[in-house]
Amino acid sequence: MFISNLEFMTGKKVIKHLGLVQGSSVRAKHAGKDIMSGIKNMFGGELTAYTELLHESREEATNRMIQQAESIGANAVLNVRYSTSSITAGAAEIYVYGTAVVLDMNSDEFSQ
């Protein structure tokens, strides 16, 4: 499965447009990590617990989008975008969406 934030895949021809696919993940903060991050926030620096949490959420949301794309016969998702929103105190959603397409993997539009 090819994933790209571009609207096209260089050298490949879109032969079928399958529509919007999406995936999301909602995660809550761990109370213990939240306390430690709060202390670190007072002194500055990266809040690694939150960085890891968001990384895992992005991976899970992306995998869900890919599963949806595969289920409708896509071999690529183009124009992929991510969004993050706060759901409630201590919980956030990662939402990813893109356009599922079938690319002609044998084409090379730019070959001579």
PDB file of N, CA and C in Angstrom:
ATOM      1  N   MET A   1       0.855  -1.181   0.000  1.00  0.00           N
ATOM      2  CA  MET A   1       0.000   0.000   0.000  1.00  0.00           C
ATOM      3  C   MET A   1       0.896   1.238   0.000  1.00  0.00           C
ATOM      4  N   PHE A   2       0.701   2.081  -0.994  1.00  0.00           N
ATOM      5  CA  PHE A   2       1.434   3.342  -1.065  1.00  0.00           C
ATOM      6  C   PHE A   2       0.611   4.419  -0.360  1.00  0.00           C
ATOM      7  N   ILE A   3       1.274   5.192   0.477  1.00  0.00           N
ATOM      8  CA  ILE A   3       0.644   6.285   1.207  1.00  0.00           C
ATOM      9  C   ILE A   3       1.425   7.553   0.895  1.00  0.00           C
ATOM     10  N   SER A   4       0.718   8.618   0.516  1.00  0.00           N
ATOM     11  CA  SER A   4       1.399   9.865   0.182  1.00  0.00           C
ATOM     12  C   SER A   4       0.534  11.062   0.544  1.00  0.00           C
ATOM     13  N   ASN A   5       1.190  12.137   0.950  1.00  0.00           N
ATOM     14  CA  ASN A   5       0.456  13.372   1.188  1.00  0.00           C
ATOM     15  C   ASN A   5       0.318  14.196  -0.094  1.00  0.00           C
ATOM     16  N   LEU A   6       0.871  13.703  -1.190  1.00  0.00           N
ATOM     17  CA  LEU A   6       0.714  14.355  -2.493  1.00  0.00           C
ATOM     18  C   LEU A   6      -0.605  13.931  -3.127  1.00  0.00           C
ATOM     19  N   GLU A   7      -1.063  14.709  -4.080  1.00  0.00           N
ATOM     20  CA  GLU A   7      -2.312  14.396  -4.770  1.00  0.00           C
ATOM     21  C   GLU A   7      -2.124  13.370  -5.879  1.00  0.00           C
ATOM     22  N   PHE A   8      -0.882  12.990  -6.157  1.00  0.00           N
ATOM     23  CA  PHE A   8      -0.577  12.035  -7.215  1.00  0.00           C
ATOM     24  C   PHE A   8       0.679  11.271  -6.817  1.00  0.00           C
ATOM     25  N   MET A   9       0.931  10.170  -7.507  1.00  0.00           N
ATOM     26  CA  MET A   9       2.154   9.399  -7.299  1.00  0.00           C
ATOM     27  C   MET A   9       2.980   9.565  -8.561  1.00  0.00           C
ATOM     28  N   THR A  10       4.106  10.200  -8.431  1.00  0.00           N
ATOM     29  CA  THR A  10       4.947  10.504  -9.586  1.00  0.00           C
ATOM     30  C   THR A  10       5.201   9.253 -10.416  1.00  0.00           C
ATOM     31  N   GLY A  11       4.901   9.360 -11.690  1.00  0.00           N
ATOM     32  CA  GLY A  11       5.153   8.277 -12.629  1.00  0.00           C
ATOM     33  C   GLY A  11       4.080   7.202 -12.669  1.00  0.00           C
ATOM     34  N   LYS A  12       3.073   7.299 -11.811  1.00  0.00           N
ATOM     35  CA  LYS A  12       2.005   6.295 -11.787  1.00  0.00           C
ATOM     36  C   LYS A  12       0.674   6.942 -12.153  1.00  0.00           C
ATOM     37  N   LYS A  13      -0.121   6.202 -12.881  1.00  0.00           N
ATOM     38  CA  LYS A  13      -1.404   6.690 -13.356  1.00  0.00           C
ATOM     39  C   LYS A  13      -2.526   6.167 -12.455  1.00  0.00           C
ATOM     40  N   VAL A  14      -3.407   7.057 -12.031  1.00  0.00           N
ATOM     41  CA  VAL A  14      -4.589   6.649 -11.268  1.00  0.00           C
ATOM     42  C   VAL A  14      -5.592   6.068 -12.260  1.00  0.00           C
ATOM     43  N   ILE A  15      -5.943   4.800 -12.060  1.00  0.00           N
ATOM     44  CA  ILE A  15      -6.897   4.168 -12.980  1.00  0.00           C
ATOM     45  C   ILE A  15      -8.290   4.038 -12.372  1.00  0.00           C
ATOM     46  N   LYS A  16      -8.375   4.230 -11.051  1.00  0.00           N
ATOM     47  CA  LYS A  16      -9.688   4.168 -10.415  1.00  0.00           C
ATOM     48  C   LYS A  16      -9.659   4.966  -9.116  1.00  0.00           C
ATOM     49  N   HIS A  17     -10.661   5.809  -8.950  1.00  0.00           N
ATOM     50  CA  HIS A  17     -10.839   6.614  -7.751  1.00  0.00           C
ATOM     51  C   HIS A  17     -11.892   5.918  -6.893  1.00  0.00           C
ATOM     52  N   LEU A  18     -11.535   5.566  -5.648  1.00  0.00           N
ATOM     53  CA  LEU A  18     -12.454   4.805  -4.791  1.00  0.00           C
ATOM     54  C   LEU A  18     -13.089   5.633  -3.681  1.00  0.00           C
ATOM     55  N   GLY A  19     -12.624   6.852  -3.495  1.00  0.00           N
ATOM     56  CA  GLY A  19     -13.248   7.728  -2.513  1.00  0.00           C
ATOM     57  C   GLY A  19     -12.455   7.899  -1.232  1.00  0.00           C
ATOM     58  N   LEU A  20     -13.079   8.569  -0.293  1.00  0.00           N
ATOM     59  CA  LEU A  20     -12.463   8.913   0.976  1.00  0.00           C
ATOM     60  C   LEU A  20     -12.338   7.693   1.877  1.00  0.00           C
ATOM     61  N   VAL A  21     -11.177   7.544   2.488  1.00  0.00           N
ATOM     62  CA  VAL A  21     -10.971   6.551   3.540  1.00  0.00           C
ATOM     63  C   VAL A  21     -10.432   7.290   4.759  1.00  0.00           C
ATOM     64  N   GLN A  22     -10.692   6.728   5.937  1.00  0.00           N
ATOM     65  CA  GLN A  22     -10.282   7.410   7.155  1.00  0.00           C
ATOM     66  C   GLN A  22      -9.998   6.417   8.270  1.00  0.00           C
ATOM     67  N   GLY A  23      -9.308   6.899   9.270  1.00  0.00           N
ATOM     68  CA  GLY A  23      -9.046   6.124  10.470  1.00  0.00           C
ATOM     69  C   GLY A  23      -8.878   7.080  11.631  1.00  0.00           C
ATOM     70  N   SER A  24      -9.186   6.617  12.823  1.00  0.00           N
ATOM     71  CA  SER A  24      -9.012   7.476  13.983  1.00  0.00           C
ATOM     72  C   SER A  24      -8.622   6.651  15.196  1.00  0.00           C
ATOM     73  N   SER A  25      -8.080   7.337  16.171  1.00  0.00           N
ATOM     74  CA  SER A  25      -7.709   6.722  17.434  1.00  0.00           C
ATOM     75  C   SER A  25      -7.890   7.767  18.528  1.00  0.00           C
ATOM     76  N   VAL A  26      -8.568   7.390  19.596  1.00  0.00           N
ATOM     77  CA  VAL A  26      -8.742   8.278  20.746  1.00  0.00           C
ATOM     78  C   VAL A  26      -7.970   7.666  21.895  1.00  0.00           C
ATOM     79  N   ARG A  27      -7.089   8.441  22.473  1.00  0.00           N
ATOM     80  CA  ARG A  27      -6.259   7.965  23.574  1.00  0.00           C
ATOM     81  C   ARG A  27      -6.366   8.908  24.759  1.00  0.00           C
ATOM     82  N   ALA A  28      -6.283   8.326  25.939  1.00  0.00           N
ATOM     83  CA  ALA A  28      -6.273   9.109  27.176  1.00  0.00           C
ATOM     84  C   ALA A  28      -4.887   9.047  27.789  1.00  0.00           C
ATOM     85  N   LYS A  29      -4.566  10.086  28.539  1.00  0.00           N
ATOM     86  CA  LYS A  29      -3.281  10.136  29.220  1.00  0.00           C
ATOM     87  C   LYS A  29      -3.287   9.183  30.415  1.00  0.00           C
ATOM     88  N   HIS A  30      -2.152   8.617  30.726  1.00  0.00           N
ATOM     89  CA  HIS A  30      -1.944   7.773  31.890  1.00  0.00           C
ATOM     90  C   HIS A  30      -1.674   8.691  33.083  1.00  0.00           C
ATOM     91  N   ALA A  31      -2.384   8.498  34.183  1.00  0.00           N
ATOM     92  CA  ALA A  31      -2.284   9.403  35.336  1.00  0.00           C
ATOM     93  C   ALA A  31      -0.849   9.550  35.839  1.00  0.00           C
ATOM     94  N   GLY A  32      -0.121   8.439  35.936  1.00  0.00           N
ATOM     95  CA  GLY A  32       1.266   8.492  36.420  1.00  0.00           C
ATOM     96  C   GLY A  32       2.163   9.277  35.478  1.00  0.00           C
ATOM     97  N   LYS A  33       2.027   9.038  34.204  1.00  0.00           N
ATOM     98  CA  LYS A  33       2.822   9.765  33.215  1.00  0.00           C
ATOM     99  C   LYS A  33       2.416  11.233  33.179  1.00  0.00           C
ATOM    100  N   ASP A  34       1.119  11.493  33.438  1.00  0.00           N
ATOM    101  CA  ASP A  34       0.630  12.868  33.439  1.00  0.00           C
ATOM    102  C   ASP A  34       1.280  13.677  34.566  1.00  0.00           C
ATOM    103  N   ILE A  35       1.419  13.073  35.717  1.00  0.00           N
ATOM    104  CA  ILE A  35       2.059  13.754  36.852  1.00  0.00           C
ATOM    105  C   ILE A  35       3.515  14.060  36.532  1.00  0.00           C
ATOM    106  N   MET A  36       4.238  13.062  36.009  1.00  0.00           N
ATOM    107  CA  MET A  36       5.650  13.264  35.678  1.00  0.00           C
ATOM    108  C   MET A  36       5.806  14.307  34.570  1.00  0.00           C
ATOM    109  N   SER A  37       4.911  14.306  33.602  1.00  0.00           N
ATOM    110  CA  SER A  37       4.979  15.289  32.519  1.00  0.00           C
ATOM    111  C   SER A  37       4.694  16.688  33.046  1.00  0.00           C
ATOM    112  N   GLY A  38       3.779  16.782  34.016  1.00  0.00           N
ATOM    113  CA  GLY A  38       3.473  18.072  34.626  1.00  0.00           C
ATOM    114  C   GLY A  38       4.685  18.656  35.330  1.00  0.00           C
ATOM    115  N   ILE A  39       5.437  17.809  36.010  1.00  0.00           N
ATOM    116  CA  ILE A  39       6.666  18.256  36.685  1.00  0.00           C
ATOM    117  C   ILE A  39       7.687  18.699  35.645  1.00  0.00           C
ATOM    118  N   LYS A  40       7.859  17.898  34.610  1.00  0.00           N
ATOM    119  CA  LYS A  40       8.825  18.242  33.563  1.00  0.00           C
ATOM    120  C   LYS A  40       8.434  19.532  32.849  1.00  0.00           C
ATOM    121  N   ASN A  41       7.131  19.756  32.715  1.00  0.00           N
ATOM    122  CA  ASN A  41       6.639  20.953  32.046  1.00  0.00           C
ATOM    123  C   ASN A  41       7.080  22.223  32.781  1.00  0.00           C
ATOM    124  N   MET A  42       7.220  22.131  34.094  1.00  0.00           N
ATOM    125  CA  MET A  42       7.661  23.298  34.873  1.00  0.00           C
ATOM    126  C   MET A  42       9.104  23.682  34.555  1.00  0.00           C
ATOM    127  N   PHE A  43       9.916  22.695  34.195  1.00  0.00           N
ATOM    128  CA  PHE A  43      11.339  22.935  33.964  1.00  0.00           C
ATOM    129  C   PHE A  43      11.699  22.992  32.479  1.00  0.00           C
ATOM    130  N   GLY A  44      10.767  22.638  31.636  1.00  0.00           N
ATOM    131  CA  GLY A  44      11.009  22.668  30.193  1.00  0.00           C
ATOM    132  C   GLY A  44      11.512  21.342  29.666  1.00  0.00           C
ATOM    133  N   GLY A  45      11.491  21.203  28.374  1.00  0.00           N
ATOM    134  CA  GLY A  45      11.951  19.980  27.720  1.00  0.00           C
ATOM    135  C   GLY A  45      10.804  19.226  27.078  1.00  0.00           C
ATOM    136  N   GLU A  46      11.169  18.211  26.327  1.00  0.00           N
ATOM    137  CA  GLU A  46      10.168  17.407  25.618  1.00  0.00           C
ATOM    138  C   GLU A  46       9.394  16.537  26.593  1.00  0.00           C
ATOM    139  N   LEU A  47       8.108  16.465  26.395  1.00  0.00           N
ATOM    140  CA  LEU A  47       7.249  15.592  27.186  1.00  0.00           C
ATOM    141  C   LEU A  47       7.160  14.255  26.446  1.00  0.00           C
ATOM    142  N   THR A  48       8.152  13.400  26.663  1.00  0.00           N
ATOM    143  CA  THR A  48       8.295  12.174  25.876  1.00  0.00           C
ATOM    144  C   THR A  48       7.107  11.228  26.018  1.00  0.00           C
ATOM    145  N   ALA A  49       6.458  11.221  27.185  1.00  0.00           N
ATOM    146  CA  ALA A  49       5.294  10.343  27.354  1.00  0.00           C
ATOM    147  C   ALA A  49       4.196  10.734  26.372  1.00  0.00           C
ATOM    148  N   TYR A  50       4.005  12.041  26.169  1.00  0.00           N
ATOM    149  CA  TYR A  50       2.984  12.506  25.235  1.00  0.00           C
ATOM    150  C   TYR A  50       3.420  12.297  23.794  1.00  0.00           C
ATOM    151  N   THR A  51       4.698  12.471  23.531  1.00  0.00           N
ATOM    152  CA  THR A  51       5.218  12.224  22.186  1.00  0.00           C
ATOM    153  C   THR A  51       4.966  10.776  21.789  1.00  0.00           C
ATOM    154  N   GLU A  52       5.266   9.843  22.691  1.00  0.00           N
ATOM    155  CA  GLU A  52       5.037   8.413  22.433  1.00  0.00           C
ATOM    156  C   GLU A  52       3.553   8.124  22.253  1.00  0.00           C
ATOM    157  N   LEU A  53       2.711   8.741  23.093  1.00  0.00           N
ATOM    158  CA  LEU A  53       1.268   8.533  23.013  1.00  0.00           C
ATOM    159  C   LEU A  53       0.731   8.963  21.650  1.00  0.00           C
ATOM    160  N   LEU A  54       1.143  10.129  21.189  1.00  0.00           N
ATOM    161  CA  LEU A  54       0.674  10.616  19.890  1.00  0.00           C
ATOM    162  C   LEU A  54       1.231   9.789  18.741  1.00  0.00           C
ATOM    163  N   HIS A  55       2.488   9.339  18.867  1.00  0.00           N
ATOM    164  CA  HIS A  55       3.079   8.483  17.828  1.00  0.00           C
ATOM    165  C   HIS A  55       2.280   7.186  17.693  1.00  0.00           C
ATOM    166  N   GLU A  56       1.972   6.548  18.821  1.00  0.00           N
ATOM    167  CA  GLU A  56       1.196   5.305  18.795  1.00  0.00           C
ATOM    168  C   GLU A  56      -0.203   5.546  18.214  1.00  0.00           C
ATOM    169  N   SER A  57      -0.802   6.669  18.562  1.00  0.00           N
ATOM    170  CA  SER A  57      -2.136   6.994  18.050  1.00  0.00           C
ATOM    171  C   SER A  57      -2.115   7.209  16.546  1.00  0.00           C
ATOM    172  N   ARG A  58      -1.088   7.917  16.040  1.00  0.00           N
ATOM    173  CA  ARG A  58      -0.973   8.130  14.594  1.00  0.00           C
ATOM    174  C   ARG A  58      -0.814   6.798  13.867  1.00  0.00           C
ATOM    175  N   GLU A  59       0.018   5.912  14.406  1.00  0.00           N
ATOM    176  CA  GLU A  59       0.211   4.599  13.779  1.00  0.00           C
ATOM    177  C   GLU A  59      -1.099   3.817  13.736  1.00  0.00           C
ATOM    178  N   GLU A  60      -1.823   3.814  14.851  1.00  0.00           N
ATOM    179  CA  GLU A  60      -3.078   3.069  14.906  1.00  0.00           C
ATOM    180  C   GLU A  60      -4.110   3.652  13.937  1.00  0.00           C
ATOM    181  N   ALA A  61      -4.250   4.968  13.906  1.00  0.00           N
ATOM    182  CA  ALA A  61      -5.198   5.610  12.995  1.00  0.00           C
ATOM    183  C   ALA A  61      -4.824   5.330  11.540  1.00  0.00           C
ATOM    184  N   THR A  62      -3.523   5.412  11.229  1.00  0.00           N
ATOM    185  CA  THR A  62      -3.053   5.149   9.862  1.00  0.00           C
ATOM    186  C   THR A  62      -3.342   3.709   9.466  1.00  0.00           C
ATOM    187  N   ASN A  63      -3.076   2.768  10.357  1.00  0.00           N
ATOM    188  CA  ASN A  63      -3.356   1.358  10.063  1.00  0.00           C
ATOM    189  C   ASN A  63      -4.844   1.121   9.810  1.00  0.00           C
ATOM    190  N   ARG A  64      -5.695   1.812  10.540  1.00  0.00           N
ATOM    191  CA  ARG A  64      -7.138   1.671  10.330  1.00  0.00           C
ATOM    192  C   ARG A  64      -7.547   2.230   8.967  1.00  0.00           C
ATOM    193  N   MET A  65      -6.930   3.343   8.565  1.00  0.00           N
ATOM    194  CA  MET A  65      -7.211   3.905   7.248  1.00  0.00           C
ATOM    195  C   MET A  65      -6.761   2.934   6.155  1.00  0.00           C
ATOM    196  N   ILE A  66      -5.578   2.362   6.313  1.00  0.00           N
ATOM    197  CA  ILE A  66      -5.053   1.405   5.341  1.00  0.00           C
ATOM    198  C   ILE A  66      -5.965   0.192   5.235  1.00  0.00           C
ATOM    199  N   GLN A  67      -6.432  -0.330   6.361  1.00  0.00           N
ATOM    200  CA  GLN A  67      -7.348  -1.471   6.341  1.00  0.00           C
ATOM    201  C   GLN A  67      -8.621  -1.150   5.572  1.00  0.00           C
ATOM    202  N   GLN A  68      -9.145   0.058   5.777  1.00  0.00           N
ATOM    203  CA  GLN A  68     -10.346   0.455   5.058  1.00  0.00           C
ATOM    204  C   GLN A  68     -10.066   0.549   3.556  1.00  0.00           C
ATOM    205  N   ALA A  69      -8.920   1.122   3.194  1.00  0.00           N
ATOM    206  CA  ALA A  69      -8.550   1.243   1.778  1.00  0.00           C
ATOM    207  C   ALA A  69      -8.391  -0.137   1.134  1.00  0.00           C
ATOM    208  N   GLU A  70      -7.721  -1.046   1.828  1.00  0.00           N
ATOM    209  CA  GLU A  70      -7.533  -2.404   1.290  1.00  0.00           C
ATOM    210  C   GLU A  70      -8.870  -3.115   1.114  1.00  0.00           C
ATOM    211  N   SER A  71      -9.805  -2.876   2.038  1.00  0.00           N
ATOM    212  CA  SER A  71     -11.097  -3.567   1.972  1.00  0.00           C
ATOM    213  C   SER A  71     -11.928  -3.153   0.758  1.00  0.00           C
ATOM    214  N   ILE A  72     -11.625  -1.995   0.179  1.00  0.00           N
ATOM    215  CA  ILE A  72     -12.365  -1.569  -1.023  1.00  0.00           C
ATOM    216  C   ILE A  72     -11.536  -1.709  -2.295  1.00  0.00           C
ATOM    217  N   GLY A  73     -10.366  -2.341  -2.179  1.00  0.00           N
ATOM    218  CA  GLY A  73      -9.579  -2.661  -3.363  1.00  0.00           C
ATOM    219  C   GLY A  73      -8.516  -1.653  -3.758  1.00  0.00           C
ATOM    220  N   ALA A  74      -8.195  -0.722  -2.899  1.00  0.00           N
ATOM    221  CA  ALA A  74      -7.180   0.290  -3.218  1.00  0.00           C
ATOM    222  C   ALA A  74      -5.774  -0.291  -3.067  1.00  0.00           C
ATOM    223  N   ASN A  75      -4.841   0.256  -3.840  1.00  0.00           N
ATOM    224  CA  ASN A  75      -3.428  -0.075  -3.628  1.00  0.00           C
ATOM    225  C   ASN A  75      -2.626   1.163  -3.245  1.00  0.00           C
ATOM    226  N   ALA A  76      -3.348   2.301  -3.061  1.00  0.00           N
ATOM    227  CA  ALA A  76      -2.689   3.534  -2.624  1.00  0.00           C
ATOM    228  C   ALA A  76      -3.711   4.465  -1.979  1.00  0.00           C
ATOM    229  N   VAL A  77      -3.212   5.310  -1.083  1.00  0.00           N
ATOM    230  CA  VAL A  77      -4.019   6.383  -0.505  1.00  0.00           C
ATOM    231  C   VAL A  77      -3.233   7.666  -0.721  1.00  0.00           C
ATOM    232  N   LEU A  78      -3.842   8.589  -1.439  1.00  0.00           N
ATOM    233  CA  LEU A  78      -3.184   9.847  -1.779  1.00  0.00           C
ATOM    234  C   LEU A  78      -3.806  11.010  -1.024  1.00  0.00           C
ATOM    235  N   ASN A  79      -3.089  12.122  -0.997  1.00  0.00           N
ATOM    236  CA  ASN A  79      -3.552  13.358  -0.358  1.00  0.00           C
ATOM    237  C   ASN A  79      -3.902  13.126   1.118  1.00  0.00           C
ATOM    238  N   VAL A  80      -3.052  12.383   1.820  1.00  0.00           N
ATOM    239  CA  VAL A  80      -3.290  12.019   3.217  1.00  0.00           C
ATOM    240  C   VAL A  80      -3.075  13.232   4.121  1.00  0.00           C
ATOM    241  N   ARG A  81      -3.994  13.401   5.066  1.00  0.00           N
ATOM    242  CA  ARG A  81      -3.936  14.500   6.029  1.00  0.00           C
ATOM    243  C   ARG A  81      -4.215  13.970   7.433  1.00  0.00           C
ATOM    244  N   TYR A  82      -3.592  14.597   8.422  1.00  0.00           N
ATOM    245  CA  TYR A  82      -3.793  14.257   9.831  1.00  0.00           C
ATOM    246  C   TYR A  82      -4.408  15.440  10.560  1.00  0.00           C
ATOM    247  N   SER A  83      -5.226  15.128  11.538  1.00  0.00           N
ATOM    248  CA  SER A  83      -5.831  16.152  12.376  1.00  0.00           C
ATOM    249  C   SER A  83      -5.834  15.645  13.822  1.00  0.00           C
ATOM    250  N   THR A  84      -5.650  16.546  14.747  1.00  0.00           N
ATOM    251  CA  THR A  84      -5.686  16.211  16.167  1.00  0.00           C
ATOM    252  C   THR A  84      -6.708  17.101  16.843  1.00  0.00           C
ATOM    253  N   SER A  85      -7.506  16.511  17.726  1.00  0.00           N
ATOM    254  CA  SER A  85      -8.465  17.318  18.475  1.00  0.00           C
ATOM    255  C   SER A  85      -8.597  16.789  19.892  1.00  0.00           C
ATOM    256  N   SER A  86      -8.926  17.676  20.778  1.00  0.00           N
ATOM    257  CA  SER A  86      -9.154  17.316  22.173  1.00  0.00           C
ATOM    258  C   SER A  86     -10.590  16.828  22.304  1.00  0.00           C
ATOM    259  N   ILE A  87     -10.768  15.654  22.892  1.00  0.00           N
ATOM    260  CA  ILE A  87     -12.099  15.077  23.063  1.00  0.00           C
ATOM    261  C   ILE A  87     -12.676  15.488  24.419  1.00  0.00           C
ATOM    262  N   THR A  88     -11.869  15.328  25.449  1.00  0.00           N
ATOM    263  CA  THR A  88     -12.230  15.693  26.812  1.00  0.00           C
ATOM    264  C   THR A  88     -10.932  15.941  27.562  1.00  0.00           C
ATOM    265  N   ALA A  89     -11.011  16.401  28.779  1.00  0.00           N
ATOM    266  CA  ALA A  89      -9.787  16.639  29.553  1.00  0.00           C
ATOM    267  C   ALA A  89      -8.989  15.340  29.647  1.00  0.00           C
ATOM    268  N   GLY A  90      -7.788  15.373  29.125  1.00  0.00           N
ATOM    269  CA  GLY A  90      -6.916  14.203  29.209  1.00  0.00           C
ATOM    270  C   GLY A  90      -7.045  13.215  28.072  1.00  0.00           C
ATOM    271  N   ALA A  91      -7.861  13.486  27.051  1.00  0.00           N
ATOM    272  CA  ALA A  91      -8.005  12.562  25.927  1.00  0.00           C
ATOM    273  C   ALA A  91      -7.974  13.341  24.613  1.00  0.00           C
ATOM    274  N   ALA A  92      -7.323  12.739  23.620  1.00  0.00           N
ATOM    275  CA  ALA A  92      -7.208  13.377  22.311  1.00  0.00           C
ATOM    276  C   ALA A  92      -7.491  12.367  21.213  1.00  0.00           C
ATOM    277  N   GLU A  93      -7.978  12.882  20.081  1.00  0.00           N
ATOM    278  CA  GLU A  93      -8.228  12.047  18.914  1.00  0.00           C
ATOM    279  C   GLU A  93      -7.236  12.417  17.820  1.00  0.00           C
ATOM    280  N   ILE A  94      -6.687  11.392  17.190  1.00  0.00           N
ATOM    281  CA  ILE A  94      -5.920  11.560  15.962  1.00  0.00           C
ATOM    282  C   ILE A  94      -6.818  11.043  14.846  1.00  0.00           C
ATOM    283  N   TYR A  95      -7.014  11.860  13.838  1.00  0.00           N
ATOM    284  CA  TYR A  95      -7.861  11.503  12.704  1.00  0.00           C
ATOM    285  C   TYR A  95      -7.016  11.625  11.448  1.00  0.00           C
ATOM    286  N   VAL A  96      -7.037  10.601  10.608  1.00  0.00           N
ATOM    287  CA  VAL A  96      -6.287  10.612   9.351  1.00  0.00           C
ATOM    288  C   VAL A  96      -7.248  10.264   8.224  1.00  0.00           C
ATOM    289  N   TYR A  97      -7.085  10.947   7.095  1.00  0.00           N
ATOM    290  CA  TYR A  97      -7.963  10.682   5.960  1.00  0.00           C
ATOM    291  C   TYR A  97      -7.218  10.925   4.661  1.00  0.00           C
ATOM    292  N   GLY A  98      -7.705  10.293   3.605  1.00  0.00           N
ATOM    293  CA  GLY A  98      -7.099  10.448   2.296  1.00  0.00           C
ATOM    294  C   GLY A  98      -8.004   9.876   1.221  1.00  0.00           C
ATOM    295  N   THR A  99      -7.521   9.914  -0.005  1.00  0.00           N
ATOM    296  CA  THR A  99      -8.273   9.421  -1.151  1.00  0.00           C
ATOM    297  C   THR A  99      -7.742   8.059  -1.561  1.00  0.00           C
ATOM    298  N   ALA A 100      -8.602   7.052  -1.492  1.00  0.00           N
ATOM    299  CA  ALA A 100      -8.232   5.704  -1.901  1.00  0.00           C
ATOM    300  C   ALA A 100      -8.297   5.608  -3.421  1.00  0.00           C
ATOM    301  N   VAL A 101      -7.244   5.069  -4.014  1.00  0.00           N
ATOM    302  CA  VAL A 101      -7.178   4.933  -5.466  1.00  0.00           C
ATOM    303  C   VAL A 101      -6.552   3.591  -5.831  1.00  0.00           C
ATOM    304  N   VAL A 102      -6.725   3.245  -7.095  1.00  0.00           N
ATOM    305  CA  VAL A 102      -5.989   2.126  -7.683  1.00  0.00           C
ATOM    306  C   VAL A 102      -5.017   2.744  -8.670  1.00  0.00           C
ATOM    307  N   LEU A 103      -3.740   2.489  -8.450  1.00  0.00           N
ATOM    308  CA  LEU A 103      -2.696   2.970  -9.354  1.00  0.00           C
ATOM    309  C   LEU A 103      -2.312   1.867 -10.320  1.00  0.00           C
ATOM    310  N   ASP A 104      -2.002   2.240 -11.544  1.00  0.00           N
ATOM    311  CA  ASP A 104      -1.442   1.309 -12.513  1.00  0.00           C
ATOM    312  C   ASP A 104       0.037   1.181 -12.179  1.00  0.00           C
ATOM    313  N   MET A 105       0.402   0.109 -11.515  1.00  0.00           N
ATOM    314  CA  MET A 105       1.776  -0.063 -11.043  1.00  0.00           C
ATOM    315  C   MET A 105       2.734  -0.376 -12.184  1.00  0.00           C
ATOM    316  N   ASN A 106       2.209  -0.712 -13.350  1.00  0.00           N
ATOM    317  CA  ASN A 106       3.062  -0.994 -14.506  1.00  0.00           C
ATOM    318  C   ASN A 106       3.341   0.255 -15.331  1.00  0.00           C
ATOM    319  N   SER A 107       2.601   1.316 -15.064  1.00  0.00           N
ATOM    320  CA  SER A 107       2.792   2.532 -15.866  1.00  0.00           C
ATOM    321  C   SER A 107       3.981   3.316 -15.363  1.00  0.00           C
ATOM    322  N   ASP A 108       4.538   4.045 -16.256  1.00  0.00           N
ATOM    323  CA  ASP A 108       5.596   5.002 -15.930  1.00  0.00           C
ATOM    324  C   ASP A 108       5.356   6.180 -16.860  1.00  0.00           C
ATOM    325  N   GLU A 109       4.488   7.089 -16.434  1.00  0.00           N
ATOM    326  CA  GLU A 109       4.029   8.175 -17.281  1.00  0.00           C
ATOM    327  C   GLU A 109       5.155   9.040 -17.808  1.00  0.00           C
ATOM    328  N   PHE A 110       6.305   9.022 -17.147  1.00  0.00           N
ATOM    329  CA  PHE A 110       7.381   9.931 -17.526  1.00  0.00           C
ATOM    330  C   PHE A 110       8.494   9.243 -18.293  1.00  0.00           C
ATOM    331  N   SER A 111       8.312   7.962 -18.634  1.00  0.00           N
ATOM    332  CA  SER A 111       9.362   7.277 -19.383  1.00  0.00           C
ATOM    333  C   SER A 111       9.318   7.678 -20.856  1.00  0.00           C
ATOM    334  N   GLN A 112      10.452   7.588 -21.527  1.00  0.00           N
ATOM    335  CA  GLN A 112      10.553   7.976 -22.926  1.00  0.00           C
ATOM    336  C   GLN A 112      10.340   6.771 -23.810  1.00  0.00           C
TER     337      GLN A 112
END
